[in-house]
Amino acid sequence: MQHYNPMNLRSFQGHAPRIGQRVLIDPSAVVLGQVILEDDVSIWPQVAIRGDMHRIRVGARTSVQDGCVLHITHAGPFNPDGWPLDIGCDVTIGHGAILHGCSVGNRVLVGMSSTVMDGAVVGDDVVIAAGALVTPGKILRSGFLYAGSPAREVRPLSDMELSYFVYSANNYVKLKDQHIAELESATP
């Protein structure tokens, strides 16, 4: 059984979103174009994922919180190859974050209302603090907390903080499964 309304999914220029197993897409979210949502992804209310001029991949067990915008940078005279958006596995993307034409590794926490811009590369095991601005082309090394506008490396992450990534991802998988169960029980 699918756990989203097909009206949330839109094809564009011959590219239709590809949805993995046990994915939840809130009825108020929109996913369009060249988008891959891997297994156990959760897309919460008012999210826009727009792969209309390049590709977007959201890795397994990633949670995209309310009000996020995920987009790309098209290929053109100022950027011949454009920038796809690639998000790894076990990522928690906080409410209202914007990810645009960047690469985000595995086990990352993207804080609420933060922005990660074109060509930025976020390593594995990174925390981006709420409200941070990751400027175009910036590289965030694995294992660190980044904060500020523009974002800067603040300190290494503790062992406890490093263990939080998988906990958070699993917590949102469980919550997603609870939402799916309620949807299934409400379906005649």
N, C-alpha and C. Protein backbone atom coordinates (compact mmCIF):
# COMPACT_ATOMS: atom_id res chain seq x y z
N MET A 1 0.84 -1.19 0.00
CA MET A 1 0.00 0.00 0.00
C MET A 1 0.88 1.25 0.00
N GLN A 2 0.49 2.24 -0.80
CA GLN A 2 1.25 3.50 -0.81
C GLN A 2 0.80 4.38 0.33
N HIS A 3 1.70 5.19 0.85
CA HIS A 3 1.42 6.02 2.01
C HIS A 3 1.57 7.50 1.66
N TYR A 4 1.00 7.84 0.54
CA TYR A 4 0.99 9.22 0.08
C TYR A 4 -0.10 9.33 -0.96
N ASN A 5 -0.50 10.53 -1.22
CA ASN A 5 -1.50 10.81 -2.23
C ASN A 5 -0.77 11.03 -3.56
N PRO A 6 -1.11 10.25 -4.60
CA PRO A 6 -0.42 10.44 -5.88
C PRO A 6 -0.49 11.87 -6.41
N MET A 7 -1.46 12.66 -5.93
CA MET A 7 -1.55 14.06 -6.36
C MET A 7 -0.37 14.88 -5.83
N ASN A 8 0.30 14.39 -4.80
CA ASN A 8 1.48 15.07 -4.28
C ASN A 8 2.68 14.93 -5.21
N LEU A 9 2.61 13.95 -6.11
CA LEU A 9 3.73 13.65 -7.00
C LEU A 9 3.42 14.19 -8.38
N ARG A 10 4.37 14.93 -8.95
CA ARG A 10 4.16 15.49 -10.28
C ARG A 10 5.35 15.17 -11.16
N SER A 11 5.04 14.75 -12.37
CA SER A 11 6.08 14.56 -13.38
C SER A 11 6.40 15.92 -14.00
N PHE A 12 7.61 16.01 -14.52
CA PHE A 12 8.00 17.22 -15.24
C PHE A 12 9.00 16.83 -16.31
N GLN A 13 8.71 17.21 -17.55
CA GLN A 13 9.58 16.96 -18.69
C GLN A 13 10.01 15.49 -18.78
N GLY A 14 9.05 14.61 -18.54
CA GLY A 14 9.31 13.18 -18.67
C GLY A 14 9.96 12.52 -17.46
N HIS A 15 10.19 13.28 -16.40
CA HIS A 15 10.79 12.73 -15.17
C HIS A 15 9.72 12.66 -14.09
N ALA A 16 9.52 11.45 -13.56
CA ALA A 16 8.55 11.26 -12.47
C ALA A 16 9.31 10.89 -11.20
N PRO A 17 8.85 11.36 -10.05
CA PRO A 17 9.49 10.95 -8.79
C PRO A 17 9.47 9.43 -8.62
N ARG A 18 10.55 8.90 -8.05
CA ARG A 18 10.65 7.47 -7.73
C ARG A 18 10.65 7.34 -6.22
N ILE A 19 9.72 6.54 -5.72
CA ILE A 19 9.47 6.45 -4.29
C ILE A 19 9.81 5.05 -3.80
N GLY A 20 10.63 4.96 -2.74
CA GLY A 20 11.02 3.69 -2.16
C GLY A 20 9.91 3.08 -1.32
N GLN A 21 10.28 2.09 -0.53
CA GLN A 21 9.33 1.37 0.33
C GLN A 21 9.10 2.15 1.63
N ARG A 22 7.87 2.07 2.13
CA ARG A 22 7.49 2.62 3.45
C ARG A 22 7.78 4.12 3.57
N VAL A 23 7.58 4.85 2.49
CA VAL A 23 7.79 6.30 2.47
C VAL A 23 6.48 6.99 2.85
N LEU A 24 6.57 8.01 3.67
CA LEU A 24 5.42 8.84 4.03
C LEU A 24 5.61 10.22 3.43
N ILE A 25 4.62 10.68 2.66
CA ILE A 25 4.61 12.04 2.11
C ILE A 25 3.31 12.68 2.58
N ASP A 26 3.43 13.73 3.39
CA ASP A 26 2.25 14.42 3.89
C ASP A 26 1.42 14.95 2.73
N PRO A 27 0.07 14.94 2.87
CA PRO A 27 -0.80 15.43 1.79
C PRO A 27 -0.54 16.88 1.38
N SER A 28 0.07 17.68 2.25
CA SER A 28 0.32 19.08 1.90
C SER A 28 1.69 19.29 1.25
N ALA A 29 2.48 18.24 1.12
CA ALA A 29 3.81 18.35 0.51
C ALA A 29 3.71 18.15 -1.00
N VAL A 30 4.72 18.63 -1.72
CA VAL A 30 4.79 18.46 -3.18
C VAL A 30 6.18 17.91 -3.52
N VAL A 31 6.18 16.85 -4.34
CA VAL A 31 7.42 16.25 -4.82
C VAL A 31 7.29 16.18 -6.34
N LEU A 32 8.21 16.84 -7.05
CA LEU A 32 8.05 16.85 -8.51
C LEU A 32 9.37 16.69 -9.24
N GLY A 33 9.25 16.06 -10.41
CA GLY A 33 10.38 15.94 -11.32
C GLY A 33 11.31 14.78 -11.00
N GLN A 34 12.58 15.03 -11.22
CA GLN A 34 13.62 14.01 -11.14
C GLN A 34 14.07 13.84 -9.68
N VAL A 35 13.23 13.15 -8.89
CA VAL A 35 13.44 13.01 -7.45
C VAL A 35 13.41 11.52 -7.10
N ILE A 36 14.35 11.10 -6.26
CA ILE A 36 14.35 9.75 -5.70
C ILE A 36 14.24 9.89 -4.19
N LEU A 37 13.21 9.24 -3.62
CA LEU A 37 13.07 9.15 -2.18
C LEU A 37 13.30 7.68 -1.82
N GLU A 38 14.39 7.41 -1.10
CA GLU A 38 14.74 6.03 -0.77
C GLU A 38 13.85 5.51 0.38
N ASP A 39 14.05 4.26 0.76
CA ASP A 39 13.20 3.60 1.76
C ASP A 39 13.15 4.35 3.09
N ASP A 40 11.96 4.33 3.70
CA ASP A 40 11.71 4.87 5.04
C ASP A 40 11.92 6.38 5.17
N VAL A 41 11.86 7.10 4.06
CA VAL A 41 11.94 8.56 4.10
C VAL A 41 10.60 9.10 4.60
N SER A 42 10.66 10.19 5.36
CA SER A 42 9.44 10.88 5.78
C SER A 42 9.49 12.33 5.31
N ILE A 43 8.42 12.73 4.64
CA ILE A 43 8.27 14.09 4.12
C ILE A 43 7.07 14.68 4.84
N TRP A 44 7.29 15.69 5.67
CA TRP A 44 6.27 16.22 6.58
C TRP A 44 5.53 17.41 5.94
N PRO A 45 4.57 18.02 6.65
CA PRO A 45 3.72 19.04 6.04
C PRO A 45 4.47 20.23 5.42
N GLN A 46 3.92 20.66 4.29
CA GLN A 46 4.35 21.89 3.60
C GLN A 46 5.77 21.83 3.04
N VAL A 47 6.28 20.64 2.77
CA VAL A 47 7.61 20.50 2.17
C VAL A 47 7.47 20.61 0.65
N ALA A 48 8.43 21.29 0.01
CA ALA A 48 8.52 21.36 -1.44
C ALA A 48 9.84 20.75 -1.88
N ILE A 49 9.75 19.71 -2.71
CA ILE A 49 10.95 19.06 -3.27
C ILE A 49 10.80 19.17 -4.78
N ARG A 50 11.65 20.02 -5.39
CA ARG A 50 11.44 20.38 -6.80
C ARG A 50 12.66 20.03 -7.64
N GLY A 51 12.59 18.85 -8.27
CA GLY A 51 13.65 18.40 -9.17
C GLY A 51 13.27 18.67 -10.61
N ASP A 52 13.04 19.93 -10.93
CA ASP A 52 12.54 20.28 -12.26
C ASP A 52 13.63 20.53 -13.29
N MET A 53 14.85 20.86 -12.86
CA MET A 53 15.91 21.13 -13.84
C MET A 53 17.20 20.37 -13.52
N HIS A 54 17.16 19.50 -12.53
CA HIS A 54 18.29 18.64 -12.16
C HIS A 54 17.75 17.61 -11.19
N ARG A 55 18.59 16.69 -10.75
CA ARG A 55 18.11 15.57 -9.93
C ARG A 55 18.27 15.85 -8.43
N ILE A 56 17.38 15.18 -7.67
CA ILE A 56 17.42 15.23 -6.21
C ILE A 56 17.32 13.81 -5.70
N ARG A 57 18.18 13.47 -4.74
CA ARG A 57 18.10 12.17 -4.07
C ARG A 57 18.04 12.41 -2.57
N VAL A 58 17.07 11.74 -1.91
CA VAL A 58 16.94 11.79 -0.45
C VAL A 58 17.17 10.36 0.04
N GLY A 59 18.24 10.17 0.83
CA GLY A 59 18.65 8.84 1.27
C GLY A 59 17.73 8.21 2.30
N ALA A 60 17.91 6.92 2.47
CA ALA A 60 17.07 6.11 3.36
C ALA A 60 17.06 6.67 4.78
N ARG A 61 15.88 6.58 5.39
CA ARG A 61 15.65 6.96 6.80
C ARG A 61 15.87 8.45 7.06
N THR A 62 15.82 9.25 6.02
CA THR A 62 15.97 10.69 6.18
C THR A 62 14.59 11.31 6.42
N SER A 63 14.55 12.28 7.31
CA SER A 63 13.33 12.98 7.66
C SER A 63 13.45 14.43 7.21
N VAL A 64 12.48 14.87 6.41
CA VAL A 64 12.44 16.25 5.92
C VAL A 64 11.27 16.92 6.63
N GLN A 65 11.59 17.80 7.57
CA GLN A 65 10.59 18.38 8.47
C GLN A 65 9.76 19.48 7.80
N ASP A 66 8.73 19.87 8.50
CA ASP A 66 7.74 20.82 8.01
C ASP A 66 8.37 22.08 7.42
N GLY A 67 7.87 22.46 6.25
CA GLY A 67 8.24 23.74 5.65
C GLY A 67 9.59 23.79 4.96
N CYS A 68 10.24 22.66 4.76
CA CYS A 68 11.55 22.67 4.09
C CYS A 68 11.39 22.85 2.59
N VAL A 69 12.43 23.42 1.98
CA VAL A 69 12.50 23.57 0.53
C VAL A 69 13.77 22.88 0.06
N LEU A 70 13.60 21.92 -0.87
CA LEU A 70 14.73 21.20 -1.47
C LEU A 70 14.70 21.47 -2.96
N HIS A 71 15.77 22.06 -3.50
CA HIS A 71 15.81 22.43 -4.91
C HIS A 71 17.24 22.25 -5.43
N ILE A 72 17.43 22.57 -6.69
CA ILE A 72 18.69 22.33 -7.40
C ILE A 72 19.14 23.63 -8.06
N THR A 73 20.29 23.56 -8.73
CA THR A 73 20.75 24.66 -9.58
C THR A 73 20.85 24.12 -11.00
N HIS A 74 20.18 24.76 -11.92
CA HIS A 74 20.16 24.27 -13.30
C HIS A 74 21.51 24.51 -14.00
N ALA A 75 21.75 23.71 -15.03
CA ALA A 75 22.93 23.90 -15.88
C ALA A 75 22.66 25.10 -16.79
N GLY A 76 23.67 25.94 -16.95
CA GLY A 76 23.51 27.12 -17.79
C GLY A 76 24.85 27.77 -18.03
N PRO A 77 24.86 28.97 -18.61
CA PRO A 77 26.11 29.63 -18.97
C PRO A 77 26.99 29.98 -17.77
N PHE A 78 26.40 30.13 -16.60
CA PHE A 78 27.18 30.49 -15.42
C PHE A 78 27.61 29.27 -14.61
N ASN A 79 27.03 28.11 -14.92
CA ASN A 79 27.34 26.87 -14.21
C ASN A 79 27.01 25.73 -15.17
N PRO A 80 27.96 25.35 -16.04
CA PRO A 80 27.67 24.42 -17.14
C PRO A 80 27.07 23.08 -16.71
N ASP A 81 27.41 22.57 -15.53
CA ASP A 81 26.89 21.29 -15.09
C ASP A 81 25.73 21.42 -14.12
N GLY A 82 25.47 22.61 -13.61
CA GLY A 82 24.46 22.78 -12.58
C GLY A 82 24.88 22.09 -11.29
N TRP A 83 23.99 22.09 -10.32
CA TRP A 83 24.23 21.40 -9.06
C TRP A 83 23.00 20.58 -8.71
N PRO A 84 23.15 19.24 -8.70
CA PRO A 84 22.04 18.44 -8.18
C PRO A 84 21.98 18.59 -6.66
N LEU A 85 20.97 18.02 -6.06
CA LEU A 85 20.87 17.98 -4.60
C LEU A 85 20.96 16.52 -4.19
N ASP A 86 21.95 16.19 -3.39
CA ASP A 86 22.15 14.81 -2.95
C ASP A 86 22.20 14.79 -1.43
N ILE A 87 21.27 14.08 -0.82
CA ILE A 87 21.17 13.99 0.64
C ILE A 87 21.36 12.54 1.03
N GLY A 88 22.25 12.29 1.97
CA GLY A 88 22.58 10.93 2.38
C GLY A 88 21.52 10.28 3.25
N CYS A 89 21.92 9.21 3.91
CA CYS A 89 21.03 8.41 4.76
C CYS A 89 21.10 8.89 6.21
N ASP A 90 20.01 8.65 6.95
CA ASP A 90 19.95 8.97 8.38
C ASP A 90 20.17 10.45 8.66
N VAL A 91 19.60 11.29 7.79
CA VAL A 91 19.72 12.75 7.93
C VAL A 91 18.40 13.27 8.50
N THR A 92 18.49 14.19 9.45
CA THR A 92 17.32 14.89 9.98
C THR A 92 17.43 16.34 9.53
N ILE A 93 16.46 16.78 8.74
CA ILE A 93 16.45 18.14 8.21
C ILE A 93 15.37 18.91 8.97
N GLY A 94 15.79 19.87 9.78
CA GLY A 94 14.90 20.60 10.68
C GLY A 94 13.91 21.49 9.96
N HIS A 95 12.89 21.88 10.68
CA HIS A 95 11.78 22.69 10.15
C HIS A 95 12.30 23.94 9.45
N GLY A 96 11.77 24.19 8.27
CA GLY A 96 12.05 25.43 7.55
C GLY A 96 13.43 25.54 6.93
N ALA A 97 14.18 24.45 6.87
CA ALA A 97 15.52 24.50 6.26
C ALA A 97 15.40 24.57 4.73
N ILE A 98 16.42 25.16 4.11
CA ILE A 98 16.51 25.22 2.65
C ILE A 98 17.82 24.54 2.24
N LEU A 99 17.70 23.53 1.38
CA LEU A 99 18.88 22.87 0.80
C LEU A 99 18.81 23.09 -0.69
N HIS A 100 19.85 23.71 -1.26
CA HIS A 100 19.80 24.13 -2.66
C HIS A 100 21.07 23.72 -3.38
N GLY A 101 20.96 22.73 -4.27
CA GLY A 101 22.09 22.35 -5.12
C GLY A 101 23.35 22.01 -4.35
N CYS A 102 23.22 21.24 -3.28
CA CYS A 102 24.37 20.92 -2.44
C CYS A 102 24.45 19.41 -2.24
N SER A 103 25.46 18.98 -1.53
CA SER A 103 25.64 17.57 -1.20
C SER A 103 25.74 17.44 0.31
N VAL A 104 24.89 16.59 0.88
CA VAL A 104 24.84 16.39 2.32
C VAL A 104 25.15 14.92 2.59
N GLY A 105 26.12 14.65 3.45
CA GLY A 105 26.54 13.28 3.73
C GLY A 105 25.53 12.52 4.57
N ASN A 106 25.98 11.42 5.15
CA ASN A 106 25.16 10.56 6.00
C ASN A 106 25.25 11.04 7.45
N ARG A 107 24.17 10.77 8.19
CA ARG A 107 24.15 11.08 9.63
C ARG A 107 24.46 12.56 9.88
N VAL A 108 23.58 13.39 9.35
CA VAL A 108 23.72 14.85 9.47
C VAL A 108 22.45 15.39 10.11
N LEU A 109 22.60 16.39 10.96
CA LEU A 109 21.48 17.15 11.49
C LEU A 109 21.56 18.55 10.89
N VAL A 110 20.55 18.90 10.09
CA VAL A 110 20.46 20.24 9.51
C VAL A 110 19.47 20.99 10.38
N GLY A 111 19.94 21.99 11.11
CA GLY A 111 19.11 22.70 12.07
C GLY A 111 17.98 23.49 11.44
N MET A 112 16.98 23.80 12.27
CA MET A 112 15.82 24.55 11.81
C MET A 112 16.23 25.89 11.20
N SER A 113 15.56 26.23 10.11
CA SER A 113 15.75 27.52 9.41
C SER A 113 17.17 27.74 8.91
N SER A 114 17.95 26.70 8.77
CA SER A 114 19.29 26.87 8.20
C SER A 114 19.20 26.76 6.68
N THR A 115 20.24 27.25 6.01
CA THR A 115 20.30 27.24 4.55
C THR A 115 21.65 26.69 4.13
N VAL A 116 21.62 25.73 3.20
CA VAL A 116 22.85 25.17 2.63
C VAL A 116 22.77 25.45 1.13
N MET A 117 23.74 26.21 0.63
CA MET A 117 23.64 26.75 -0.73
C MET A 117 24.43 25.95 -1.77
N ASP A 118 24.34 26.42 -3.00
CA ASP A 118 24.87 25.76 -4.18
C ASP A 118 26.33 25.33 -4.04
N GLY A 119 26.58 24.07 -4.38
CA GLY A 119 27.94 23.56 -4.43
C GLY A 119 28.57 23.29 -3.08
N ALA A 120 27.85 23.55 -1.99
CA ALA A 120 28.37 23.23 -0.66
C ALA A 120 28.42 21.71 -0.51
N VAL A 121 29.41 21.24 0.24
CA VAL A 121 29.57 19.81 0.50
C VAL A 121 29.63 19.62 2.01
N VAL A 122 28.65 18.89 2.54
CA VAL A 122 28.58 18.61 3.97
C VAL A 122 29.02 17.16 4.17
N GLY A 123 30.06 16.96 4.95
CA GLY A 123 30.56 15.61 5.20
C GLY A 123 29.60 14.80 6.05
N ASP A 124 30.00 13.56 6.35
CA ASP A 124 29.21 12.71 7.25
C ASP A 124 29.35 13.22 8.68
N ASP A 125 28.34 12.88 9.51
CA ASP A 125 28.42 13.15 10.95
C ASP A 125 28.68 14.63 11.25
N VAL A 126 27.77 15.47 10.76
CA VAL A 126 27.89 16.92 10.93
C VAL A 126 26.61 17.45 11.54
N VAL A 127 26.73 18.45 12.42
CA VAL A 127 25.59 19.21 12.90
C VAL A 127 25.71 20.63 12.34
N ILE A 128 24.65 21.07 11.67
CA ILE A 128 24.54 22.45 11.21
C ILE A 128 23.52 23.10 12.14
N ALA A 129 23.95 24.08 12.90
CA ALA A 129 23.09 24.70 13.92
C ALA A 129 21.91 25.42 13.29
N ALA A 130 20.86 25.57 14.08
CA ALA A 130 19.67 26.30 13.63
C ALA A 130 20.07 27.69 13.15
N GLY A 131 19.49 28.10 12.02
CA GLY A 131 19.72 29.42 11.48
C GLY A 131 21.05 29.63 10.78
N ALA A 132 21.86 28.59 10.65
CA ALA A 132 23.17 28.74 10.00
C ALA A 132 23.01 28.96 8.50
N LEU A 133 23.97 29.66 7.92
CA LEU A 133 24.03 29.87 6.48
C LEU A 133 25.33 29.26 5.96
N VAL A 134 25.18 28.16 5.22
CA VAL A 134 26.34 27.51 4.60
C VAL A 134 26.44 28.09 3.20
N THR A 135 27.47 28.89 2.97
CA THR A 135 27.61 29.65 1.73
C THR A 135 28.02 28.76 0.55
N PRO A 136 27.82 29.25 -0.68
CA PRO A 136 28.13 28.45 -1.87
C PRO A 136 29.56 27.92 -1.87
N GLY A 137 29.68 26.63 -2.18
CA GLY A 137 30.99 26.00 -2.33
C GLY A 137 31.71 25.64 -1.04
N LYS A 138 31.14 25.97 0.11
CA LYS A 138 31.81 25.69 1.39
C LYS A 138 31.84 24.19 1.65
N ILE A 139 32.93 23.71 2.23
CA ILE A 139 33.08 22.31 2.58
C ILE A 139 33.05 22.19 4.10
N LEU A 140 32.13 21.36 4.61
CA LEU A 140 32.01 21.13 6.05
C LEU A 140 32.59 19.76 6.35
N ARG A 141 33.67 19.75 7.13
CA ARG A 141 34.37 18.51 7.46
C ARG A 141 33.53 17.62 8.38
N SER A 142 33.71 16.33 8.23
CA SER A 142 33.00 15.35 9.06
C SER A 142 33.37 15.52 10.53
N GLY A 143 32.36 15.30 11.39
CA GLY A 143 32.60 15.24 12.82
C GLY A 143 32.59 16.56 13.55
N PHE A 144 32.03 17.61 12.95
CA PHE A 144 32.06 18.93 13.57
C PHE A 144 30.68 19.58 13.63
N LEU A 145 30.55 20.53 14.56
CA LEU A 145 29.40 21.42 14.66
C LEU A 145 29.74 22.70 13.91
N TYR A 146 28.79 23.15 13.08
CA TYR A 146 28.94 24.41 12.34
C TYR A 146 27.79 25.33 12.73
N ALA A 147 28.09 26.61 12.92
CA ALA A 147 27.06 27.57 13.32
C ALA A 147 27.40 28.94 12.74
N GLY A 148 26.37 29.78 12.66
CA GLY A 148 26.58 31.17 12.28
C GLY A 148 26.20 31.47 10.85
N SER A 149 26.34 32.77 10.53
CA SER A 149 26.02 33.26 9.20
C SER A 149 27.09 34.25 8.77
N PRO A 150 28.07 33.81 7.99
CA PRO A 150 28.19 32.49 7.38
C PRO A 150 28.62 31.43 8.41
N ALA A 151 28.27 30.17 8.10
CA ALA A 151 28.58 29.07 9.02
C ALA A 151 30.09 28.90 9.14
N ARG A 152 30.51 28.62 10.37
CA ARG A 152 31.93 28.35 10.62
C ARG A 152 32.04 27.14 11.53
N GLU A 153 33.17 26.47 11.46
CA GLU A 153 33.42 25.31 12.30
C GLU A 153 33.55 25.77 13.74
N VAL A 154 32.75 25.19 14.65
CA VAL A 154 32.75 25.61 16.04
C VAL A 154 33.59 24.68 16.90
N ARG A 155 33.33 23.35 16.79
CA ARG A 155 34.06 22.39 17.63
C ARG A 155 33.78 20.98 17.13
N PRO A 156 34.63 20.03 17.56
CA PRO A 156 34.33 18.63 17.23
C PRO A 156 33.09 18.16 17.99
N LEU A 157 32.40 17.19 17.42
CA LEU A 157 31.24 16.61 18.08
C LEU A 157 31.67 15.58 19.12
N SER A 158 30.92 15.50 20.20
CA SER A 158 31.19 14.51 21.25
C SER A 158 30.68 13.13 20.80
N ASP A 159 31.10 12.10 21.50
CA ASP A 159 30.60 10.76 21.20
C ASP A 159 29.08 10.70 21.36
N MET A 160 28.54 11.37 22.38
CA MET A 160 27.10 11.39 22.58
C MET A 160 26.41 12.06 21.39
N GLU A 161 26.94 13.17 20.93
CA GLU A 161 26.35 13.86 19.78
C GLU A 161 26.43 12.99 18.53
N LEU A 162 27.52 12.29 18.35
CA LEU A 162 27.66 11.41 17.19
C LEU A 162 26.64 10.28 17.22
N SER A 163 26.30 9.79 18.40
CA SER A 163 25.32 8.71 18.51
C SER A 163 23.90 9.21 18.27
N TYR A 164 23.68 10.51 18.35
CA TYR A 164 22.34 11.08 18.18
C TYR A 164 21.81 10.91 16.76
N PHE A 165 22.67 10.92 15.76
CA PHE A 165 22.21 10.89 14.37
C PHE A 165 21.34 9.67 14.08
N VAL A 166 21.83 8.49 14.45
CA VAL A 166 21.07 7.26 14.19
C VAL A 166 19.84 7.21 15.07
N TYR A 167 19.95 7.67 16.33
CA TYR A 167 18.78 7.74 17.21
C TYR A 167 17.69 8.60 16.56
N SER A 168 18.05 9.80 16.10
CA SER A 168 17.08 10.71 15.51
C SER A 168 16.43 10.09 14.28
N ALA A 169 17.24 9.51 13.41
CA ALA A 169 16.70 8.89 12.20
C ALA A 169 15.72 7.77 12.56
N ASN A 170 16.11 6.92 13.49
CA ASN A 170 15.22 5.81 13.90
C ASN A 170 13.95 6.32 14.56
N ASN A 171 14.07 7.39 15.35
CA ASN A 171 12.89 7.98 15.98
C ASN A 171 11.89 8.45 14.93
N TYR A 172 12.37 9.10 13.87
CA TYR A 172 11.46 9.58 12.83
C TYR A 172 10.92 8.44 11.98
N VAL A 173 11.68 7.35 11.84
CA VAL A 173 11.13 6.18 11.15
C VAL A 173 9.96 5.62 11.96
N LYS A 174 10.13 5.53 13.29
CA LYS A 174 9.03 5.03 14.14
C LYS A 174 7.81 5.96 14.06
N LEU A 175 8.04 7.26 14.12
CA LEU A 175 6.93 8.20 14.03
C LEU A 175 6.23 8.09 12.68
N LYS A 176 7.01 7.99 11.62
CA LYS A 176 6.45 7.82 10.28
C LYS A 176 5.59 6.57 10.23
N ASP A 177 6.09 5.47 10.81
CA ASP A 177 5.34 4.21 10.82
C ASP A 177 4.03 4.36 11.59
N GLN A 178 4.02 5.15 12.67
CA GLN A 178 2.78 5.39 13.41
C GLN A 178 1.77 6.15 12.55
N HIS A 179 2.26 7.14 11.80
CA HIS A 179 1.38 7.88 10.90
C HIS A 179 0.83 6.96 9.82
N ILE A 180 1.68 6.11 9.27
CA ILE A 180 1.24 5.16 8.23
C ILE A 180 0.17 4.23 8.79
N ALA A 181 0.38 3.72 10.01
CA ALA A 181 -0.59 2.81 10.63
C ALA A 181 -1.94 3.49 10.80
N GLU A 182 -1.94 4.76 11.21
CA GLU A 182 -3.21 5.49 11.34
C GLU A 182 -3.88 5.70 10.00
N LEU A 183 -3.08 6.00 8.98
CA LEU A 183 -3.66 6.16 7.64
C LEU A 183 -4.29 4.86 7.16
N GLU A 184 -3.59 3.74 7.42
CA GLU A 184 -4.10 2.43 6.97
C GLU A 184 -5.37 2.07 7.73
N SER A 185 -5.45 2.38 9.02
CA SER A 185 -6.63 2.02 9.80
C SER A 185 -7.82 2.91 9.43
N ALA A 186 -7.57 4.09 8.91
CA ALA A 186 -8.64 5.01 8.52
C ALA A 186 -9.16 4.72 7.11
N THR A 187 -8.39 3.93 6.34
CA THR A 187 -8.78 3.63 4.96
C THR A 187 -9.84 2.52 4.96
N PRO A 188 -10.99 2.74 4.31
CA PRO A 188 -12.05 1.72 4.30
C PRO A 188 -11.64 0.48 3.52
